[in-house]
Amino acid sequence: MSLATVYKALKTLVEVNLVQEINVGEGNFRYDGNVLPHHHIQCLSCGKVEDIDGICFSNLNDKVKSYTEYDVVGNQVYFYGICKNCKN
């Protein structure tokens, strides 16, 4: 299977909401099978990306709405740090 075929398949999976595309910067993307609302953290040393579950930012949507004239429909918060393996 060619790399182009893989990327086309990933694009289709994103379009039908079976996979979430995560922009990790500089034109690089990762793909996550968990399409439910959640946030991510990336290790600045090794590049590993992990899910962060259990943190809800829906109140942030309301806060932003009160400061702007937007109807906020979602958010994407991304955290950066150094993972446990890279710290050791």
PDB file of N, CA and C in Angstrom:
ATOM      1  N   MET A   1       0.851  -1.173   0.000  1.00  0.00           N
ATOM      2  CA  MET A   1       0.000   0.000   0.000  1.00  0.00           C
ATOM      3  C   MET A   1       0.896   1.235   0.000  1.00  0.00           C
ATOM      4  N   SER A   2       0.593   2.193  -0.856  1.00  0.00           N
ATOM      5  CA  SER A   2       1.416   3.393  -0.947  1.00  0.00           C
ATOM      6  C   SER A   2       1.076   4.362   0.178  1.00  0.00           C
ATOM      7  N   LEU A   3       2.003   5.257   0.464  1.00  0.00           N
ATOM      8  CA  LEU A   3       1.793   6.278   1.488  1.00  0.00           C
ATOM      9  C   LEU A   3       0.629   7.191   1.115  1.00  0.00           C
ATOM     10  N   ALA A   4       0.476   7.488  -0.164  1.00  0.00           N
ATOM     11  CA  ALA A   4      -0.644   8.321  -0.624  1.00  0.00           C
ATOM     12  C   ALA A   4      -1.979   7.659  -0.301  1.00  0.00           C
ATOM     13  N   THR A   5      -2.048   6.349  -0.452  1.00  0.00           N
ATOM     14  CA  THR A   5      -3.271   5.607  -0.137  1.00  0.00           C
ATOM     15  C   THR A   5      -3.579   5.684   1.355  1.00  0.00           C
ATOM     16  N   VAL A   6      -2.550   5.580   2.171  1.00  0.00           N
ATOM     17  CA  VAL A   6      -2.729   5.672   3.623  1.00  0.00           C
ATOM     18  C   VAL A   6      -3.284   7.041   3.997  1.00  0.00           C
ATOM     19  N   TYR A   7      -2.710   8.114   3.435  1.00  0.00           N
ATOM     20  CA  TYR A   7      -3.181   9.466   3.757  1.00  0.00           C
ATOM     21  C   TYR A   7      -4.604   9.705   3.263  1.00  0.00           C
ATOM     22  N   LYS A   8      -4.946   9.157   2.119  1.00  0.00           N
ATOM     23  CA  LYS A   8      -6.326   9.280   1.620  1.00  0.00           C
ATOM     24  C   LYS A   8      -7.294   8.553   2.545  1.00  0.00           C
ATOM     25  N   ALA A   9      -6.890   7.387   3.017  1.00  0.00           N
ATOM     26  CA  ALA A   9      -7.736   6.624   3.943  1.00  0.00           C
ATOM     27  C   ALA A   9      -7.913   7.379   5.256  1.00  0.00           C
ATOM     28  N   LEU A  10      -6.831   7.968   5.775  1.00  0.00           N
ATOM     29  CA  LEU A  10      -6.926   8.753   7.007  1.00  0.00           C
ATOM     30  C   LEU A  10      -7.840   9.956   6.822  1.00  0.00           C
ATOM     31  N   LYS A  11      -7.722  10.633   5.685  1.00  0.00           N
ATOM     32  CA  LYS A  11      -8.576  11.790   5.403  1.00  0.00           C
ATOM     33  C   LYS A  11     -10.049  11.381   5.409  1.00  0.00           C
ATOM     34  N   THR A  12     -10.345  10.246   4.807  1.00  0.00           N
ATOM     35  CA  THR A  12     -11.723   9.746   4.777  1.00  0.00           C
ATOM     36  C   THR A  12     -12.212   9.419   6.185  1.00  0.00           C
ATOM     37  N   LEU A  13     -11.369   8.787   6.994  1.00  0.00           N
ATOM     38  CA  LEU A  13     -11.751   8.458   8.368  1.00  0.00           C
ATOM     39  C   LEU A  13     -12.028   9.715   9.187  1.00  0.00           C
ATOM     40  N   VAL A  14     -11.249  10.768   8.957  1.00  0.00           N
ATOM     41  CA  VAL A  14     -11.488  12.050   9.634  1.00  0.00           C
ATOM     42  C   VAL A  14     -12.818  12.634   9.177  1.00  0.00           C
ATOM     43  N   GLU A  15     -13.078  12.603   7.875  1.00  0.00           N
ATOM     44  CA  GLU A  15     -14.308  13.184   7.320  1.00  0.00           C
ATOM     45  C   GLU A  15     -15.567  12.504   7.848  1.00  0.00           C
ATOM     46  N   VAL A  16     -15.503  11.204   8.119  1.00  0.00           N
ATOM     47  CA  VAL A  16     -16.678  10.485   8.626  1.00  0.00           C
ATOM     48  C   VAL A  16     -16.650  10.369  10.156  1.00  0.00           C
ATOM     49  N   ASN A  17     -15.744  11.125  10.773  1.00  0.00           N
ATOM     50  CA  ASN A  17     -15.655  11.246  12.233  1.00  0.00           C
ATOM     51  C   ASN A  17     -15.355   9.924  12.942  1.00  0.00           C
ATOM     52  N   LEU A  18     -14.531   9.091  12.321  1.00  0.00           N
ATOM     53  CA  LEU A  18     -14.071   7.870  12.975  1.00  0.00           C
ATOM     54  C   LEU A  18     -12.682   8.042  13.580  1.00  0.00           C
ATOM     55  N   VAL A  19     -11.982   9.093  13.144  1.00  0.00           N
ATOM     56  CA  VAL A  19     -10.643   9.408  13.623  1.00  0.00           C
ATOM     57  C   VAL A  19     -10.552  10.920  13.770  1.00  0.00           C
ATOM     58  N   GLN A  20      -9.828  11.361  14.800  1.00  0.00           N
ATOM     59  CA  GLN A  20      -9.610  12.792  15.016  1.00  0.00           C
ATOM     60  C   GLN A  20      -8.203  13.156  14.550  1.00  0.00           C
ATOM     61  N   GLU A  21      -8.092  14.227  13.763  1.00  0.00           N
ATOM     62  CA  GLU A  21      -6.789  14.709  13.316  1.00  0.00           C
ATOM     63  C   GLU A  21      -6.268  15.720  14.328  1.00  0.00           C
ATOM     64  N   ILE A  22      -5.027  15.527  14.773  1.00  0.00           N
ATOM     65  CA  ILE A  22      -4.412  16.408  15.758  1.00  0.00           C
ATOM     66  C   ILE A  22      -3.244  17.114  15.092  1.00  0.00           C
ATOM     67  N   ASN A  23      -3.305  18.437  15.037  1.00  0.00           N
ATOM     68  CA  ASN A  23      -2.221  19.232  14.477  1.00  0.00           C
ATOM     69  C   ASN A  23      -1.176  19.433  15.567  1.00  0.00           C
ATOM     70  N   VAL A  24      -0.007  18.831  15.401  1.00  0.00           N
ATOM     71  CA  VAL A  24       1.054  18.951  16.399  1.00  0.00           C
ATOM     72  C   VAL A  24       2.077  20.011  16.014  1.00  0.00           C
ATOM     73  N   GLY A  25       1.746  20.839  15.048  1.00  0.00           N
ATOM     74  CA  GLY A  25       2.592  21.966  14.673  1.00  0.00           C
ATOM     75  C   GLY A  25       3.479  21.691  13.483  1.00  0.00           C
ATOM     76  N   GLU A  26       3.848  22.775  12.822  1.00  0.00           N
ATOM     77  CA  GLU A  26       4.759  22.746  11.681  1.00  0.00           C
ATOM     78  C   GLU A  26       4.298  21.784  10.595  1.00  0.00           C
ATOM     79  N   GLY A  27       2.982  21.726  10.374  1.00  0.00           N
ATOM     80  CA  GLY A  27       2.443  20.889   9.308  1.00  0.00           C
ATOM     81  C   GLY A  27       2.423  19.403   9.607  1.00  0.00           C
ATOM     82  N   ASN A  28       2.681  19.041  10.859  1.00  0.00           N
ATOM     83  CA  ASN A  28       2.677  17.634  11.264  1.00  0.00           C
ATOM     84  C   ASN A  28       1.358  17.287  11.938  1.00  0.00           C
ATOM     85  N   PHE A  29       0.856  16.106  11.638  1.00  0.00           N
ATOM     86  CA  PHE A  29      -0.415  15.670  12.193  1.00  0.00           C
ATOM     87  C   PHE A  29      -0.281  14.284  12.793  1.00  0.00           C
ATOM     88  N   ARG A  30      -1.076  14.045  13.832  1.00  0.00           N
ATOM     89  CA  ARG A  30      -1.231  12.719  14.420  1.00  0.00           C
ATOM     90  C   ARG A  30      -2.712  12.382  14.321  1.00  0.00           C
ATOM     91  N   TYR A  31      -3.034  11.135  14.481  1.00  0.00           N
ATOM     92  CA  TYR A  31      -4.428  10.711  14.360  1.00  0.00           C
ATOM     93  C   TYR A  31      -4.825   9.929  15.602  1.00  0.00           C
ATOM     94  N   ASP A  32      -6.019  10.220  16.099  1.00  0.00           N
ATOM     95  CA  ASP A  32      -6.506   9.660  17.354  1.00  0.00           C
ATOM     96  C   ASP A  32      -7.847   8.977  17.112  1.00  0.00           C
ATOM     97  N   GLY A  33      -7.958   7.725  17.519  1.00  0.00           N
ATOM     98  CA  GLY A  33      -9.205   6.987  17.374  1.00  0.00           C
ATOM     99  C   GLY A  33     -10.282   7.408  18.351  1.00  0.00           C
ATOM    100  N   ASN A  34      -9.916   8.183  19.370  1.00  0.00           N
ATOM    101  CA  ASN A  34     -10.887   8.693  20.339  1.00  0.00           C
ATOM    102  C   ASN A  34     -11.431  10.016  19.809  1.00  0.00           C
ATOM    103  N   VAL A  35     -12.644   9.994  19.279  1.00  0.00           N
ATOM    104  CA  VAL A  35     -13.221  11.208  18.681  1.00  0.00           C
ATOM    105  C   VAL A  35     -14.105  11.977  19.661  1.00  0.00           C
ATOM    106  N   LEU A  36     -14.238  11.476  20.886  1.00  0.00           N
ATOM    107  CA  LEU A  36     -14.983  12.222  21.898  1.00  0.00           C
ATOM    108  C   LEU A  36     -14.177  13.452  22.309  1.00  0.00           C
ATOM    109  N   PRO A  37     -14.835  14.509  22.770  1.00  0.00           N
ATOM    110  CA  PRO A  37     -14.105  15.722  23.169  1.00  0.00           C
ATOM    111  C   PRO A  37     -13.096  15.425  24.286  1.00  0.00           C
ATOM    112  N   HIS A  38     -11.847  15.698  24.030  1.00  0.00           N
ATOM    113  CA  HIS A  38     -10.786  15.568  25.023  1.00  0.00           C
ATOM    114  C   HIS A  38      -9.579  16.359  24.543  1.00  0.00           C
ATOM    115  N   HIS A  39      -8.615  16.528  25.430  1.00  0.00           N
ATOM    116  CA  HIS A  39      -7.456  17.351  25.119  1.00  0.00           C
ATOM    117  C   HIS A  39      -6.197  16.486  25.117  1.00  0.00           C
ATOM    118  N   HIS A  40      -5.092  17.073  24.684  1.00  0.00           N
ATOM    119  CA  HIS A  40      -3.856  16.319  24.493  1.00  0.00           C
ATOM    120  C   HIS A  40      -2.675  17.032  25.133  1.00  0.00           C
ATOM    121  N   ILE A  41      -1.649  16.251  25.431  1.00  0.00           N
ATOM    122  CA  ILE A  41      -0.379  16.786  25.901  1.00  0.00           C
ATOM    123  C   ILE A  41       0.729  16.137  25.073  1.00  0.00           C
ATOM    124  N   GLN A  42       1.720  16.948  24.693  1.00  0.00           N
ATOM    125  CA  GLN A  42       2.819  16.455  23.864  1.00  0.00           C
ATOM    126  C   GLN A  42       4.139  16.685  24.571  1.00  0.00           C
ATOM    127  N   CYS A  43       4.991  15.656  24.568  1.00  0.00           N
ATOM    128  CA  CYS A  43       6.328  15.770  25.136  1.00  0.00           C
ATOM    129  C   CYS A  43       7.210  16.562  24.174  1.00  0.00           C
ATOM    130  N   LEU A  44       7.830  17.607  24.685  1.00  0.00           N
ATOM    131  CA  LEU A  44       8.701  18.443  23.860  1.00  0.00           C
ATOM    132  C   LEU A  44      10.033  17.767  23.561  1.00  0.00           C
ATOM    133  N   SER A  45      10.336  16.693  24.269  1.00  0.00           N
ATOM    134  CA  SER A  45      11.593  15.993  24.053  1.00  0.00           C
ATOM    135  C   SER A  45      11.464  14.875  23.019  1.00  0.00           C
ATOM    136  N   CYS A  46      10.507  13.961  23.221  1.00  0.00           N
ATOM    137  CA  CYS A  46      10.385  12.804  22.321  1.00  0.00           C
ATOM    138  C   CYS A  46       9.229  12.920  21.327  1.00  0.00           C
ATOM    139  N   GLY A  47       8.332  13.898  21.521  1.00  0.00           N
ATOM    140  CA  GLY A  47       7.218  14.103  20.594  1.00  0.00           C
ATOM    141  C   GLY A  47       5.983  13.268  20.881  1.00  0.00           C
ATOM    142  N   LYS A  48       6.030  12.431  21.908  1.00  0.00           N
ATOM    143  CA  LYS A  48       4.890  11.583  22.273  1.00  0.00           C
ATOM    144  C   LYS A  48       3.663  12.447  22.566  1.00  0.00           C
ATOM    145  N   VAL A  49       2.498  12.014  22.069  1.00  0.00           N
ATOM    146  CA  VAL A  49       1.236  12.712  22.305  1.00  0.00           C
ATOM    147  C   VAL A  49       0.318  11.780  23.085  1.00  0.00           C
ATOM    148  N   GLU A  50      -0.255  12.300  24.173  1.00  0.00           N
ATOM    149  CA  GLU A  50      -1.163  11.499  24.992  1.00  0.00           C
ATOM    150  C   GLU A  50      -2.484  12.226  25.184  1.00  0.00           C
ATOM    151  N   ASP A  51      -3.534  11.430  25.393  1.00  0.00           N
ATOM    152  CA  ASP A  51      -4.846  11.983  25.714  1.00  0.00           C
ATOM    153  C   ASP A  51      -4.859  12.463  27.156  1.00  0.00           C
ATOM    154  N   ILE A  52      -5.617  13.518  27.399  1.00  0.00           N
ATOM    155  CA  ILE A  52      -5.916  13.961  28.760  1.00  0.00           C
ATOM    156  C   ILE A  52      -7.412  13.787  28.937  1.00  0.00           C
ATOM    157  N   ASP A  53      -7.793  12.894  29.802  1.00  0.00           N
ATOM    158  CA  ASP A  53      -9.210  12.642  30.053  1.00  0.00           C
ATOM    159  C   ASP A  53      -9.603  13.239  31.399  1.00  0.00           C
ATOM    160  N   GLY A  54     -10.869  13.561  31.538  1.00  0.00           N
ATOM    161  CA  GLY A  54     -11.393  13.994  32.823  1.00  0.00           C
ATOM    162  C   GLY A  54     -11.335  15.483  33.083  1.00  0.00           C
ATOM    163  N   ILE A  55     -10.841  16.273  32.139  1.00  0.00           N
ATOM    164  CA  ILE A  55     -10.820  17.724  32.304  1.00  0.00           C
ATOM    165  C   ILE A  55     -11.819  18.317  31.324  1.00  0.00           C
ATOM    166  N   CYS A  56     -12.752  19.099  31.844  1.00  0.00           N
ATOM    167  CA  CYS A  56     -13.790  19.691  31.001  1.00  0.00           C
ATOM    168  C   CYS A  56     -13.563  21.197  30.889  1.00  0.00           C
ATOM    169  N   PHE A  57     -13.535  21.686  29.675  1.00  0.00           N
ATOM    170  CA  PHE A  57     -13.338  23.108  29.440  1.00  0.00           C
ATOM    171  C   PHE A  57     -14.601  23.785  28.926  1.00  0.00           C
ATOM    172  N   SER A  58     -15.761  23.163  29.119  1.00  0.00           N
ATOM    173  CA  SER A  58     -16.998  23.758  28.601  1.00  0.00           C
ATOM    174  C   SER A  58     -17.270  25.113  29.238  1.00  0.00           C
ATOM    175  N   ASN A  59     -16.871  25.300  30.507  1.00  0.00           N
ATOM    176  CA  ASN A  59     -17.049  26.612  31.127  1.00  0.00           C
ATOM    177  C   ASN A  59     -16.181  27.666  30.445  1.00  0.00           C
ATOM    178  N   LEU A  60     -15.075  27.241  29.854  1.00  0.00           N
ATOM    179  CA  LEU A  60     -14.225  28.158  29.105  1.00  0.00           C
ATOM    180  C   LEU A  60     -14.953  28.673  27.870  1.00  0.00           C
ATOM    181  N   ASN A  61     -15.735  27.816  27.228  1.00  0.00           N
ATOM    182  CA  ASN A  61     -16.534  28.247  26.078  1.00  0.00           C
ATOM    183  C   ASN A  61     -17.467  29.381  26.477  1.00  0.00           C
ATOM    184  N   ASP A  62     -18.143  29.235  27.624  1.00  0.00           N
ATOM    185  CA  ASP A  62     -19.058  30.276  28.092  1.00  0.00           C
ATOM    186  C   ASP A  62     -18.308  31.561  28.427  1.00  0.00           C
ATOM    187  N   LYS A  63     -17.133  31.429  29.011  1.00  0.00           N
ATOM    188  CA  LYS A  63     -16.318  32.595  29.370  1.00  0.00           C
ATOM    189  C   LYS A  63     -15.897  33.354  28.115  1.00  0.00           C
ATOM    190  N   VAL A  64     -15.430  32.631  27.097  1.00  0.00           N
ATOM    191  CA  VAL A  64     -15.021  33.269  25.840  1.00  0.00           C
ATOM    192  C   VAL A  64     -16.220  33.946  25.192  1.00  0.00           C
ATOM    193  N   LYS A  65     -17.353  33.286  25.231  1.00  0.00           N
ATOM    194  CA  LYS A  65     -18.575  33.852  24.650  1.00  0.00           C
ATOM    195  C   LYS A  65     -18.929  35.180  25.313  1.00  0.00           C
ATOM    196  N   SER A  66     -18.724  35.273  26.629  1.00  0.00           N
ATOM    197  CA  SER A  66     -19.059  36.512  27.337  1.00  0.00           C
ATOM    198  C   SER A  66     -18.103  37.658  26.991  1.00  0.00           C
ATOM    199  N   TYR A  67     -16.900  37.351  26.490  1.00  0.00           N
ATOM    200  CA  TYR A  67     -15.925  38.372  26.120  1.00  0.00           C
ATOM    201  C   TYR A  67     -15.951  38.721  24.634  1.00  0.00           C
ATOM    202  N   THR A  68     -16.668  37.930  23.844  1.00  0.00           N
ATOM    203  CA  THR A  68     -16.699  38.142  22.395  1.00  0.00           C
ATOM    204  C   THR A  68     -18.140  38.137  21.916  1.00  0.00           C
ATOM    205  N   GLU A  69     -18.313  38.349  20.655  1.00  0.00           N
ATOM    206  CA  GLU A  69     -19.643  38.261  20.057  1.00  0.00           C
ATOM    207  C   GLU A  69     -19.808  36.946  19.297  1.00  0.00           C
ATOM    208  N   TYR A  70     -19.027  35.948  19.671  1.00  0.00           N
ATOM    209  CA  TYR A  70     -19.062  34.649  19.000  1.00  0.00           C
ATOM    210  C   TYR A  70     -20.012  33.699  19.708  1.00  0.00           C
ATOM    211  N   ASP A  71     -20.640  32.823  18.941  1.00  0.00           N
ATOM    212  CA  ASP A  71     -21.296  31.651  19.492  1.00  0.00           C
ATOM    213  C   ASP A  71     -20.240  30.551  19.468  1.00  0.00           C
ATOM    214  N   VAL A  72     -19.650  30.269  20.609  1.00  0.00           N
ATOM    215  CA  VAL A  72     -18.561  29.300  20.691  1.00  0.00           C
ATOM    216  C   VAL A  72     -19.143  27.893  20.569  1.00  0.00           C
ATOM    217  N   VAL A  73     -18.633  27.134  19.613  1.00  0.00           N
ATOM    218  CA  VAL A  73     -19.140  25.782  19.367  1.00  0.00           C
ATOM    219  C   VAL A  73     -18.161  24.699  19.824  1.00  0.00           C
ATOM    220  N   GLY A  74     -16.964  25.088  20.219  1.00  0.00           N
ATOM    221  CA  GLY A  74     -15.991  24.107  20.676  1.00  0.00           C
ATOM    222  C   GLY A  74     -14.662  24.763  20.963  1.00  0.00           C
ATOM    223  N   ASN A  75     -13.734  23.967  21.452  1.00  0.00           N
ATOM    224  CA  ASN A  75     -12.384  24.462  21.702  1.00  0.00           C
ATOM    225  C   ASN A  75     -11.407  23.309  21.552  1.00  0.00           C
ATOM    226  N   GLN A  76     -10.156  23.676  21.410  1.00  0.00           N
ATOM    227  CA  GLN A  76      -9.102  22.672  21.365  1.00  0.00           C
ATOM    228  C   GLN A  76      -7.934  23.223  22.167  1.00  0.00           C
ATOM    229  N   VAL A  77      -7.682  22.605  23.300  1.00  0.00           N
ATOM    230  CA  VAL A  77      -6.598  23.032  24.177  1.00  0.00           C
ATOM    231  C   VAL A  77      -5.503  21.979  24.085  1.00  0.00           C
ATOM    232  N   TYR A  78      -4.277  22.441  23.915  1.00  0.00           N
ATOM    233  CA  TYR A  78      -3.146  21.541  23.723  1.00  0.00           C
ATOM    234  C   TYR A  78      -2.077  21.906  24.735  1.00  0.00           C
ATOM    235  N   PHE A  79      -1.576  20.933  25.472  1.00  0.00           N
ATOM    236  CA  PHE A  79      -0.565  21.173  26.491  1.00  0.00           C
ATOM    237  C   PHE A  79       0.774  20.601  26.031  1.00  0.00           C
ATOM    238  N   TYR A  80       1.853  21.204  26.516  1.00  0.00           N
ATOM    239  CA  TYR A  80       3.210  20.759  26.200  1.00  0.00           C
ATOM    240  C   TYR A  80       3.973  20.562  27.500  1.00  0.00           C
ATOM    241  N   GLY A  81       4.873  19.604  27.512  1.00  0.00           N
ATOM    242  CA  GLY A  81       5.690  19.354  28.691  1.00  0.00           C
ATOM    243  C   GLY A  81       6.743  18.303  28.382  1.00  0.00           C
ATOM    244  N   ILE A  82       7.338  17.765  29.432  1.00  0.00           N
ATOM    245  CA  ILE A  82       8.341  16.710  29.308  1.00  0.00           C
ATOM    246  C   ILE A  82       7.773  15.465  29.986  1.00  0.00           C
ATOM    247  N   CYS A  83       7.681  14.363  29.240  1.00  0.00           N
ATOM    248  CA  CYS A  83       7.077  13.136  29.776  1.00  0.00           C
ATOM    249  C   CYS A  83       7.982  12.486  30.831  1.00  0.00           C
ATOM    250  N   LYS A  84       7.396  11.555  31.562  1.00  0.00           N
ATOM    251  CA  LYS A  84       8.089  10.852  32.645  1.00  0.00           C
ATOM    252  C   LYS A  84       9.357  10.156  32.146  1.00  0.00           C
ATOM    253  N   ASN A  85       9.282   9.496  30.985  1.00  0.00           N
ATOM    254  CA  ASN A  85      10.453   8.777  30.460  1.00  0.00           C
ATOM    255  C   ASN A  85      11.592   9.719  30.111  1.00  0.00           C
ATOM    256  N   CYS A  86      11.269  10.884  29.548  1.00  0.00           N
ATOM    257  CA  CYS A  86      12.317  11.827  29.145  1.00  0.00           C
ATOM    258  C   CYS A  86      12.917  12.566  30.340  1.00  0.00           C
ATOM    259  N   LYS A  87      12.160  12.686  31.432  1.00  0.00           N
ATOM    260  CA  LYS A  87      12.682  13.337  32.638  1.00  0.00           C
ATOM    261  C   LYS A  87      13.759  12.489  33.296  1.00  0.00           C
ATOM    262  N   ASN A  88      13.675  11.177  33.121  1.00  0.00           N
ATOM    263  CA  ASN A  88      14.624  10.263  33.792  1.00  0.00           C
ATOM    264  C   ASN A  88      15.890  10.086  33.002  1.00  0.00           C
TER     265      ASN A  88
END
